[in-house]
C-alpha atoms as a PDB file:
ATOM      1  CA  UNK A   1     -28.046 -49.379  66.270  1.00  0.00           C
ATOM      2  CA  UNK A   2     -25.635 -46.762  67.840  1.00  0.00           C
ATOM      3  CA  UNK A   3     -26.648 -46.982  71.093  1.00  0.00           C
ATOM      4  CA  UNK A   4     -25.457 -50.343  71.095  1.00  0.00           C
ATOM      5  CA  UNK A   5     -22.527 -50.182  69.597  1.00  0.00           C
ATOM      6  CA  UNK A   6     -19.975 -48.398  71.910  1.00  0.00           C
ATOM      7  CA  UNK A   7     -17.379 -48.434  69.429  1.00  0.00           C
ATOM      8  CA  UNK A   8     -18.919 -46.677  67.342  1.00  0.00           C
ATOM      9  CA  UNK A   9     -20.645 -43.888  69.723  1.00  0.00           C
ATOM     10  CA  UNK A  10     -17.047 -43.690  71.140  1.00  0.00           C
ATOM     11  CA  UNK A  11     -15.982 -42.708  67.663  1.00  0.00           C
ATOM     12  CA  UNK A  12     -19.107 -40.264  66.912  1.00  0.00           C
ATOM     13  CA  UNK A  13     -18.380 -37.965  70.618  1.00  0.00           C
ATOM     14  CA  UNK A  14     -14.080 -38.150  68.884  1.00  0.00           C
ATOM     15  CA  UNK A  15     -16.007 -36.319  65.835  1.00  0.00           C
ATOM     16  CA  UNK A  16     -17.898 -34.082  68.015  1.00  0.00           C
ATOM     17  CA  UNK A  17     -15.159 -33.363  70.434  1.00  0.00           C
ATOM     18  CA  UNK A  18     -12.818 -32.454  67.428  1.00  0.00           C
ATOM     19  CA  UNK A  19     -15.879 -29.974  66.269  1.00  0.00           C
ATOM     20  CA  UNK A  20     -16.721 -28.340  69.215  1.00  0.00           C
ATOM     21  CA  UNK A  21     -12.666 -27.835  69.861  1.00  0.00           C
ATOM     22  CA  UNK A  22     -12.383 -26.360  66.899  1.00  0.00           C
ATOM     23  CA  UNK A  23     -15.551 -24.340  67.326  1.00  0.00           C
ATOM     24  CA  UNK A  24     -14.175 -23.033  70.676  1.00  0.00           C
ATOM     25  CA  UNK A  25     -10.563 -22.034  68.846  1.00  0.00           C
ATOM     26  CA  UNK A  26     -11.986 -20.155  66.255  1.00  0.00           C
ATOM     27  CA  UNK A  27     -13.984 -18.208  68.699  1.00  0.00           C
ATOM     28  CA  UNK A  28     -17.278 -18.908  66.177  1.00  0.00           C
ATOM     29  CA  UNK A  29     -19.917 -18.432  69.152  1.00  0.00           C
ATOM     30  CA  UNK A  30     -18.396 -15.412  70.837  1.00  0.00           C
ATOM     31  CA  UNK A  31     -20.624 -12.948  72.223  1.00  0.00           C
ATOM     32  CA  UNK A  32     -19.978  -9.223  70.099  1.00  0.00           C
ATOM     33  CA  UNK A  33     -18.957  -6.184  72.201  1.00  0.00           C
ATOM     34  CA  UNK A  34     -21.437  -3.688  73.377  1.00  0.00           C
ATOM     35  CA  UNK A  35     -19.103  -1.487  72.443  1.00  0.00           C
ATOM     36  CA  UNK A  36     -19.279  -2.454  68.474  1.00  0.00           C
ATOM     37  CA  UNK A  37     -20.893  -4.660  66.420  1.00  0.00           C
ATOM     38  CA  UNK A  38     -17.760  -5.251  64.656  1.00  0.00           C
ATOM     39  CA  UNK A  39     -15.605  -6.156  67.808  1.00  0.00           C
ATOM     40  CA  UNK A  40     -14.900  -8.416  69.975  1.00  0.00           C
ATOM     41  CA  UNK A  41     -16.125  -8.031  74.246  1.00  0.00           C
ATOM     42  CA  UNK A  42     -12.733  -7.895  76.082  1.00  0.00           C
ATOM     43  CA  UNK A  43     -14.556  -8.878  78.938  1.00  0.00           C
ATOM     44  CA  UNK A  44     -15.056 -11.817  77.545  1.00  0.00           C
ATOM     45  CA  UNK A  45     -11.682 -12.618  77.554  1.00  0.00           C
ATOM     46  CA  UNK A  46     -11.418 -15.923  76.452  1.00  0.00           C
ATOM     47  CA  UNK A  47     -13.209 -18.124  73.746  1.00  0.00           C
ATOM     48  CA  UNK A  48     -16.604 -20.588  75.218  1.00  0.00           C
ATOM     49  CA  UNK A  49     -16.039 -23.286  77.270  1.00  0.00           C
ATOM     50  CA  UNK A  50     -16.200 -26.438  74.715  1.00  0.00           C
ATOM     51  CA  UNK A  51     -20.036 -26.929  75.795  1.00  0.00           C
ATOM     52  CA  UNK A  52     -21.533 -24.030  74.597  1.00  0.00           C
ATOM     53  CA  UNK A  53     -20.890 -24.868  71.008  1.00  0.00           C
ATOM     54  CA  UNK A  54     -24.428 -26.188  69.672  1.00  0.00           C
ATOM     55  CA  UNK A  55     -24.652 -27.641  66.372  1.00  0.00           C
ATOM     56  CA  UNK A  56     -28.458 -27.587  66.209  1.00  0.00           C
ATOM     57  CA  UNK A  57     -31.194 -29.175  68.670  1.00  0.00           C
ATOM     58  CA  UNK A  58     -30.951 -32.874  66.185  1.00  0.00           C
ATOM     59  CA  UNK A  59     -27.874 -32.088  64.245  1.00  0.00           C
ATOM     60  CA  UNK A  60     -25.342 -34.172  66.321  1.00  0.00           C
ATOM     61  CA  UNK A  61     -27.424 -37.239  68.565  1.00  0.00           C
ATOM     62  CA  UNK A  62     -24.356 -39.140  69.760  1.00  0.00           C
ATOM     63  CA  UNK A  63     -26.695 -42.047  70.311  1.00  0.00           C
ATOM     64  CA  UNK A  64     -27.213 -41.158  73.927  1.00  0.00           C
ATOM     65  CA  UNK A  65     -30.331 -43.499  74.396  1.00  0.00           C
ATOM     66  CA  UNK A  66     -31.754 -42.712  77.866  1.00  0.00           C
ATOM     67  CA  UNK A  67     -33.831 -46.025  77.586  1.00  0.00           C
ATOM     68  CA  UNK A  68     -30.526 -47.937  77.208  1.00  0.00           C
ATOM     69  CA  UNK A  69     -29.863 -50.678  78.778  1.00  0.00           C
ATOM     70  CA  UNK A  70     -26.729 -51.473  80.689  1.00  0.00           C
ATOM     71  CA  UNK A  71     -25.628 -52.184  84.357  1.00  0.00           C
ATOM     72  CA  UNK A  72     -24.805 -48.533  86.027  1.00  0.00           C
ATOM     73  CA  UNK A  73     -21.444 -50.111  86.743  1.00  0.00           C
ATOM     74  CA  UNK A  74     -20.860 -50.171  82.707  1.00  0.00           C
ATOM     75  CA  UNK A  75     -22.574 -45.870  81.661  1.00  0.00           C
ATOM     76  CA  UNK A  76     -19.413 -45.277  85.034  1.00  0.00           C
ATOM     77  CA  UNK A  77     -16.996 -47.113  82.616  1.00  0.00           C
ATOM     78  CA  UNK A  78     -18.294 -45.498  79.376  1.00  0.00           C
ATOM     79  CA  UNK A  79     -18.052 -41.842  80.955  1.00  0.00           C
ATOM     80  CA  UNK A  80     -14.810 -42.493  82.435  1.00  0.00           C
ATOM     81  CA  UNK A  81     -14.140 -43.749  79.027  1.00  0.00           C
ATOM     82  CA  UNK A  82     -15.270 -40.622  77.141  1.00  0.00           C
ATOM     83  CA  UNK A  83     -13.296 -38.220  79.948  1.00  0.00           C
ATOM     84  CA  UNK A  84      -9.777 -39.812  78.536  1.00  0.00           C
ATOM     85  CA  UNK A  85     -11.106 -39.256  75.150  1.00  0.00           C
ATOM     86  CA  UNK A  86     -12.033 -36.337  75.543  1.00  0.00           C
ATOM     87  CA  UNK A  87      -8.768 -34.968  77.533  1.00  0.00           C
ATOM     88  CA  UNK A  88      -6.637 -37.111  74.793  1.00  0.00           C
ATOM     89  CA  UNK A  89      -8.204 -35.037  72.378  1.00  0.00           C
ATOM     90  CA  UNK A  90      -7.729 -31.388  73.643  1.00  0.00           C
ATOM     91  CA  UNK A  91      -4.588 -31.989  74.290  1.00  0.00           C
ATOM     92  CA  UNK A  92      -3.915 -32.933  70.726  1.00  0.00           C
ATOM     93  CA  UNK A  93      -5.835 -29.844  69.700  1.00  0.00           C
ATOM     94  CA  UNK A  94      -4.427 -27.533  71.784  1.00  0.00           C
ATOM     95  CA  UNK A  95      -0.989 -28.658  70.340  1.00  0.00           C
ATOM     96  CA  UNK A  96      -2.076 -28.383  66.997  1.00  0.00           C
ATOM     97  CA  UNK A  97      -3.309 -25.147  67.407  1.00  0.00           C
ATOM     98  CA  UNK A  98      -0.019 -23.973  68.981  1.00  0.00           C
ATOM     99  CA  UNK A  99       1.605 -24.571  65.933  1.00  0.00           C
ATOM    100  CA  UNK A 100      -0.554 -23.161  63.971  1.00  0.00           C
ATOM    101  CA  UNK A 101      -0.917 -19.657  65.397  1.00  0.00           C
ATOM    102  CA  UNK A 102       2.907 -20.134  65.592  1.00  0.00           C
ATOM    103  CA  UNK A 103       3.431 -20.736  61.820  1.00  0.00           C
ATOM    104  CA  UNK A 104       1.048 -17.773  61.402  1.00  0.00           C
ATOM    105  CA  UNK A 105       3.021 -15.516  63.323  1.00  0.00           C
ATOM    106  CA  UNK A 106       6.462 -16.207  61.701  1.00  0.00           C
ATOM    107  CA  UNK A 107       4.727 -15.090  58.348  1.00  0.00           C
ATOM    108  CA  UNK A 108       2.874 -11.994  59.333  1.00  0.00           C
ATOM    109  CA  UNK A 109       5.474  -8.577  58.884  1.00  0.00           C
ATOM    110  CA  UNK A 110       3.640  -6.041  61.038  1.00  0.00           C
ATOM    111  CA  UNK A 111       5.878  -6.397  64.512  1.00  0.00           C
ATOM    112  CA  UNK A 112       4.469  -6.800  68.075  1.00  0.00           C
ATOM    113  CA  UNK A 113       5.163  -4.547  70.381  1.00  0.00           C
ATOM    114  CA  UNK A 114       5.153  -4.790  74.360  1.00  0.00           C
ATOM    115  CA  UNK A 115       3.846  -2.468  77.554  1.00  0.00           C
ATOM    116  CA  UNK A 116       7.341  -0.792  77.489  1.00  0.00           C
ATOM    117  CA  UNK A 117       7.311   0.032  74.025  1.00  0.00           C
ATOM    118  CA  UNK A 118       3.479   1.517  73.964  1.00  0.00           C
ATOM    119  CA  UNK A 119       4.762   3.734  77.133  1.00  0.00           C
ATOM    120  CA  UNK A 120       7.973   4.635  75.527  1.00  0.00           C
ATOM    121  CA  UNK A 121       5.983   5.373  72.668  1.00  0.00           C
ATOM    122  CA  UNK A 122       4.011   7.560  74.467  1.00  0.00           C
ATOM    123  CA  UNK A 123       6.138   9.358  76.806  1.00  0.00           C
ATOM    124  CA  UNK A 124       9.018   9.952  74.112  1.00  0.00           C
ATOM    125  CA  UNK A 125       7.633   9.486  70.756  1.00  0.00           C
ATOM    126  CA  UNK A 126       9.291   7.015  70.078  1.00  0.00           C
ATOM    127  CA  UNK A 127      10.487   3.138  71.485  1.00  0.00           C
ATOM    128  CA  UNK A 128      12.998   0.725  70.613  1.00  0.00           C
ATOM    129  CA  UNK A 129      10.538  -1.487  68.816  1.00  0.00           C
ATOM    130  CA  UNK A 130       8.058   1.570  66.998  1.00  0.00           C
ATOM    131  CA  UNK A 131       9.144   5.230  66.435  1.00  0.00           C
ATOM    132  CA  UNK A 132       6.770   8.649  66.190  1.00  0.00           C
ATOM    133  CA  UNK A 133       3.816   8.269  63.801  1.00  0.00           C
ATOM    134  CA  UNK A 134       2.631   4.682  64.778  1.00  0.00           C
ATOM    135  CA  UNK A 135      -0.447   2.568  64.159  1.00  0.00           C
ATOM    136  CA  UNK A 136      -1.007   0.460  67.493  1.00  0.00           C
ATOM    137  CA  UNK A 137      -3.664  -2.675  66.852  1.00  0.00           C
ATOM    138  CA  UNK A 138      -4.600  -3.901  69.999  1.00  0.00           C
ATOM    139  CA  UNK A 139      -5.969  -7.906  69.313  1.00  0.00           C
ATOM    140  CA  UNK A 140      -6.321 -11.428  70.958  1.00  0.00           C
ATOM    141  CA  UNK A 141      -5.825 -14.514  68.892  1.00  0.00           C
ATOM    142  CA  UNK A 142      -9.375 -15.646  69.931  1.00  0.00           C
ATOM    143  CA  UNK A 143     -10.898 -12.938  68.581  1.00  0.00           C
ATOM    144  CA  UNK A 144     -12.512 -13.976  65.206  1.00  0.00           C
ATOM    145  CA  UNK A 145     -12.955 -10.348  64.170  1.00  0.00           C
ATOM    146  CA  UNK A 146      -8.823  -9.666  65.467  1.00  0.00           C
ATOM    147  CA  UNK A 147      -8.428 -13.223  63.339  1.00  0.00           C
ATOM    148  CA  UNK A 148      -9.683 -12.013  60.331  1.00  0.00           C
ATOM    149  CA  UNK A 149      -7.951  -8.881  60.749  1.00  0.00           C
ATOM    150  CA  UNK A 150      -4.927  -9.218  62.219  1.00  0.00           C
ATOM    151  CA  UNK A 151      -3.534 -12.449  61.595  1.00  0.00           C
ATOM    152  CA  UNK A 152      -5.137 -13.974  58.088  1.00  0.00           C
ATOM    153  CA  UNK A 153      -7.421 -13.106  55.464  1.00  0.00           C
ATOM    154  CA  UNK A 154     -10.461 -15.695  56.115  1.00  0.00           C
ATOM    155  CA  UNK A 155      -8.734 -17.814  54.686  1.00  0.00           C
ATOM    156  CA  UNK A 156      -5.648 -18.784  56.678  1.00  0.00           C
ATOM    157  CA  UNK A 157      -3.251 -16.322  54.742  1.00  0.00           C
ATOM    158  CA  UNK A 158      -1.372 -14.384  56.985  1.00  0.00           C
ATOM    159  CA  UNK A 159       0.426 -13.087  54.503  1.00  0.00           C
ATOM    160  CA  UNK A 160      -3.072 -11.192  52.946  1.00  0.00           C
ATOM    161  CA  UNK A 161      -4.554 -10.363  56.780  1.00  0.00           C
ATOM    162  CA  UNK A 162      -6.080  -7.179  55.933  1.00  0.00           C
ATOM    163  CA  UNK A 163      -3.749  -5.114  58.332  1.00  0.00           C
ATOM    164  CA  UNK A 164      -0.510  -6.857  56.482  1.00  0.00           C
ATOM    165  CA  UNK A 165      -1.736  -5.694  53.361  1.00  0.00           C
ATOM    166  CA  UNK A 166      -2.763  -1.935  54.869  1.00  0.00           C
ATOM    167  CA  UNK A 167       0.474  -1.574  56.482  1.00  0.00           C
ATOM    168  CA  UNK A 168       1.884  -2.646  52.481  1.00  0.00           C
ATOM    169  CA  UNK A 169      -0.472   0.413  51.360  1.00  0.00           C
ATOM    170  CA  UNK A 170       0.649   2.874  53.805  1.00  0.00           C
ATOM    171  CA  UNK A 171       4.554   2.256  53.022  1.00  0.00           C
ATOM    172  CA  UNK A 172       3.753   2.744  49.249  1.00  0.00           C
ATOM    173  CA  UNK A 173       2.137   6.064  49.850  1.00  0.00           C
ATOM    174  CA  UNK A 174       4.589   9.091  49.834  1.00  0.00           C
ATOM    175  CA  UNK A 175       1.758  10.753  52.030  1.00  0.00           C
ATOM    176  CA  UNK A 176       1.694   7.853  55.117  1.00  0.00           C
ATOM    177  CA  UNK A 177       5.329   6.018  54.183  1.00  0.00           C
ATOM    178  CA  UNK A 178       6.640   6.793  57.518  1.00  0.00           C
ATOM    179  CA  UNK A 179       3.807   5.562  59.560  1.00  0.00           C
ATOM    180  CA  UNK A 180       4.732   2.397  60.971  1.00  0.00           C
ATOM    181  CA  UNK A 181       1.967  -0.256  62.242  1.00  0.00           C
ATOM    182  CA  UNK A 182       1.833  -2.844  65.133  1.00  0.00           C
ATOM    183  CA  UNK A 183       0.128  -4.811  66.774  1.00  0.00           C
ATOM    184  CA  UNK A 184      -0.182  -5.846  70.890  1.00  0.00           C
ATOM    185  CA  UNK A 185      -1.682  -8.657  71.743  1.00  0.00           C
ATOM    186  CA  UNK A 186      -3.818  -7.457  74.869  1.00  0.00           C
ATOM    187  CA  UNK A 187      -3.831 -12.064  76.036  1.00  0.00           C
ATOM    188  CA  UNK A 188       0.067 -12.162  75.913  1.00  0.00           C
ATOM    189  CA  UNK A 189       0.308  -8.829  77.885  1.00  0.00           C
ATOM    190  CA  UNK A 190      -3.554  -9.033  80.182  1.00  0.00           C
ATOM    191  CA  UNK A 191      -3.630  -6.696  83.148  1.00  0.00           C
ATOM    192  CA  UNK A 192      -0.759  -4.298  81.394  1.00  0.00           C
ATOM    193  CA  UNK A 193      -2.144  -2.032  78.889  1.00  0.00           C
ATOM    194  CA  UNK A 194      -0.995   1.147  79.420  1.00  0.00           C
ATOM    195  CA  UNK A 195      -3.212   4.377  80.520  1.00  0.00           C
ATOM    196  CA  UNK A 196      -2.748   6.100  77.082  1.00  0.00           C
ATOM    197  CA  UNK A 197      -4.912   2.985  75.560  1.00  0.00           C
ATOM    198  CA  UNK A 198      -8.840   2.734  76.769  1.00  0.00           C
ATOM    199  CA  UNK A 199      -9.655  -0.450  75.420  1.00  0.00           C
ATOM    200  CA  UNK A 200     -12.903  -1.699  75.626  1.00  0.00           C
ATOM    201  CA  UNK A 201     -13.666  -4.282  72.345  1.00  0.00           C
ATOM    202  CA  UNK A 202     -10.744  -5.556  70.578  1.00  0.00           C
ATOM    203  CA  UNK A 203      -9.475  -5.347  67.588  1.00  0.00           C
ATOM    204  CA  UNK A 204      -9.096  -1.773  68.516  1.00  0.00           C
ATOM    205  CA  UNK A 205      -7.062   0.752  66.705  1.00  0.00           C
ATOM    206  CA  UNK A 206      -4.994   3.837  68.019  1.00  0.00           C
ATOM    207  CA  UNK A 207      -2.793   6.489  66.234  1.00  0.00           C
ATOM    208  CA  UNK A 208       0.018   7.234  68.340  1.00  0.00           C
ATOM    209  CA  UNK A 209       2.217  11.148  67.200  1.00  0.00           C
ATOM    210  CA  UNK A 210       4.113  13.806  68.908  1.00  0.00           C
ATOM    211  CA  UNK A 211       2.815  11.345  71.787  1.00  0.00           C
ATOM    212  CA  UNK A 212      -0.692  11.699  72.057  1.00  0.00           C
ATOM    213  CA  UNK A 213      -2.832   8.383  71.300  1.00  0.00           C
ATOM    214  CA  UNK A 214      -5.708   8.855  69.289  1.00  0.00           C
ATOM    215  CA  UNK A 215      -8.708   5.983  68.931  1.00  0.00           C
ATOM    216  CA  UNK A 216     -10.228   4.861  65.429  1.00  0.00           C
ATOM    217  CA  UNK A 217     -14.031   5.318  66.111  1.00  0.00           C
ATOM    218  CA  UNK A 218     -14.768   3.210  62.876  1.00  0.00           C
ATOM    219  CA  UNK A 219     -14.996  -0.420  61.496  1.00  0.00           C
ATOM    220  CA  UNK A 220     -10.925  -1.170  61.452  1.00  0.00           C
ATOM    221  CA  UNK A 221     -12.219  -3.462  58.685  1.00  0.00           C
ATOM    222  CA  UNK A 222     -12.549  -0.678  56.452  1.00  0.00           C
ATOM    223  CA  UNK A 223      -9.029   0.077  55.597  1.00  0.00           C
ATOM    224  CA  UNK A 224     -10.116   3.482  53.603  1.00  0.00           C
ATOM    225  CA  UNK A 225     -11.671   4.520  56.291  1.00  0.00           C
ATOM    226  CA  UNK A 226      -8.628   3.681  58.435  1.00  0.00           C
ATOM    227  CA  UNK A 227      -6.543   5.399  55.792  1.00  0.00           C
ATOM    228  CA  UNK A 228      -8.664   8.188  56.012  1.00  0.00           C
ATOM    229  CA  UNK A 229      -8.007   8.216  59.369  1.00  0.00           C
ATOM    230  CA  UNK A 230      -4.825   8.022  59.813  1.00  0.00           C
ATOM    231  CA  UNK A 231      -4.269  10.830  56.672  1.00  0.00           C
ATOM    232  CA  UNK A 232      -6.025  13.286  59.129  1.00  0.00           C
ATOM    233  CA  UNK A 233      -3.928  13.006  62.144  1.00  0.00           C
ATOM    234  CA  UNK A 234      -0.857  13.354  60.078  1.00  0.00           C
ATOM    235  CA  UNK A 235      -2.628  16.784  58.672  1.00  0.00           C
ATOM    236  CA  UNK A 236      -3.480  17.596  62.057  1.00  0.00           C
ATOM    237  CA  UNK A 237      -7.177  17.084  60.704  1.00  0.00           C
ATOM    238  CA  UNK A 238     -10.383  15.654  62.498  1.00  0.00           C
ATOM    239  CA  UNK A 239     -10.680  12.508  60.792  1.00  0.00           C
ATOM    240  CA  UNK A 240     -14.356  11.784  59.046  1.00  0.00           C
ATOM    241  CA  UNK A 241     -16.835  10.237  60.634  1.00  0.00           C
ATOM    242  CA  UNK A 242     -17.021   6.791  60.247  1.00  0.00           C
ATOM    243  CA  UNK A 243     -19.469   4.896  58.044  1.00  0.00           C
ATOM    244  CA  UNK A 244     -21.220   1.770  59.081  1.00  0.00           C
ATOM    245  CA  UNK A 245     -20.600  -1.074  57.815  1.00  0.00           C
ATOM    246  CA  UNK A 246     -22.511  -2.876  55.850  1.00  0.00           C
ATOM    247  CA  UNK A 247     -21.677  -5.836  57.329  1.00  0.00           C
ATOM    248  CA  UNK A 248     -21.376  -5.191  60.791  1.00  0.00           C
ATOM    249  CA  UNK A 249     -23.714  -7.643  62.421  1.00  0.00           C
ATOM    250  CA  UNK A 250     -21.530 -10.673  60.221  1.00  0.00           C
ATOM    251  CA  UNK A 251     -19.491 -12.975  62.141  1.00  0.00           C
ATOM    252  CA  UNK A 252     -16.158 -12.888  59.386  1.00  0.00           C
ATOM    253  CA  UNK A 253     -15.432 -16.682  57.870  1.00  0.00           C
ATOM    254  CA  UNK A 254     -12.748 -18.574  59.886  1.00  0.00           C
ATOM    255  CA  UNK A 255     -10.171 -21.118  58.837  1.00  0.00           C
ATOM    256  CA  UNK A 256     -11.410 -23.796  56.106  1.00  0.00           C
END
């Protein structure tokens, strides 16, 4: 049986750890923001613990037989072996995750900006990285809503991420062709958000023009509404009221 086979138990434990780490990385169970159902709560600031990942009450039994025979010393040794395995697999997955994120980032055309860039944009109307009339998206790699908006298209393709496509759409349309699009990683620059930008949930979108930062109040995934917001700001008009997203309570699909 599984409970009497230490080797099989370790293999199953390895699979479980890998699955939990994948879930942690892609933030499948992050709490939704109290601000809006299509945002992640910035207060969470990280993915949940591996141990919060649940496959269901009975979907994964690692063969832990509460009545299994074995001395206390044997059980302690099994615990130590499991800890070593866990640390090894976690390191391996973190390295793979870092490689994946770097590869994705290399394909993104929307530039990343720093706190100094944003301060210059508000104070002077431009910066060394971006100019006036700029759409800035605040995001974090651990946020599933951000991932499927800024980093990829829900299937792991960075070139087809909605923000990348939106940037191309703005550039191809004469009224918006001069608008620049930028992204700001709130995790990489934790605690360094300029005062002009209030971000409680992510992704959050601001449009900066003539030193004035205005927040988009709708669902960033609604690209038509987002473009309407940009157009209204360029024309000096109030942006139309955003429509509620039909799938606002559904978490986006992640990689794979």
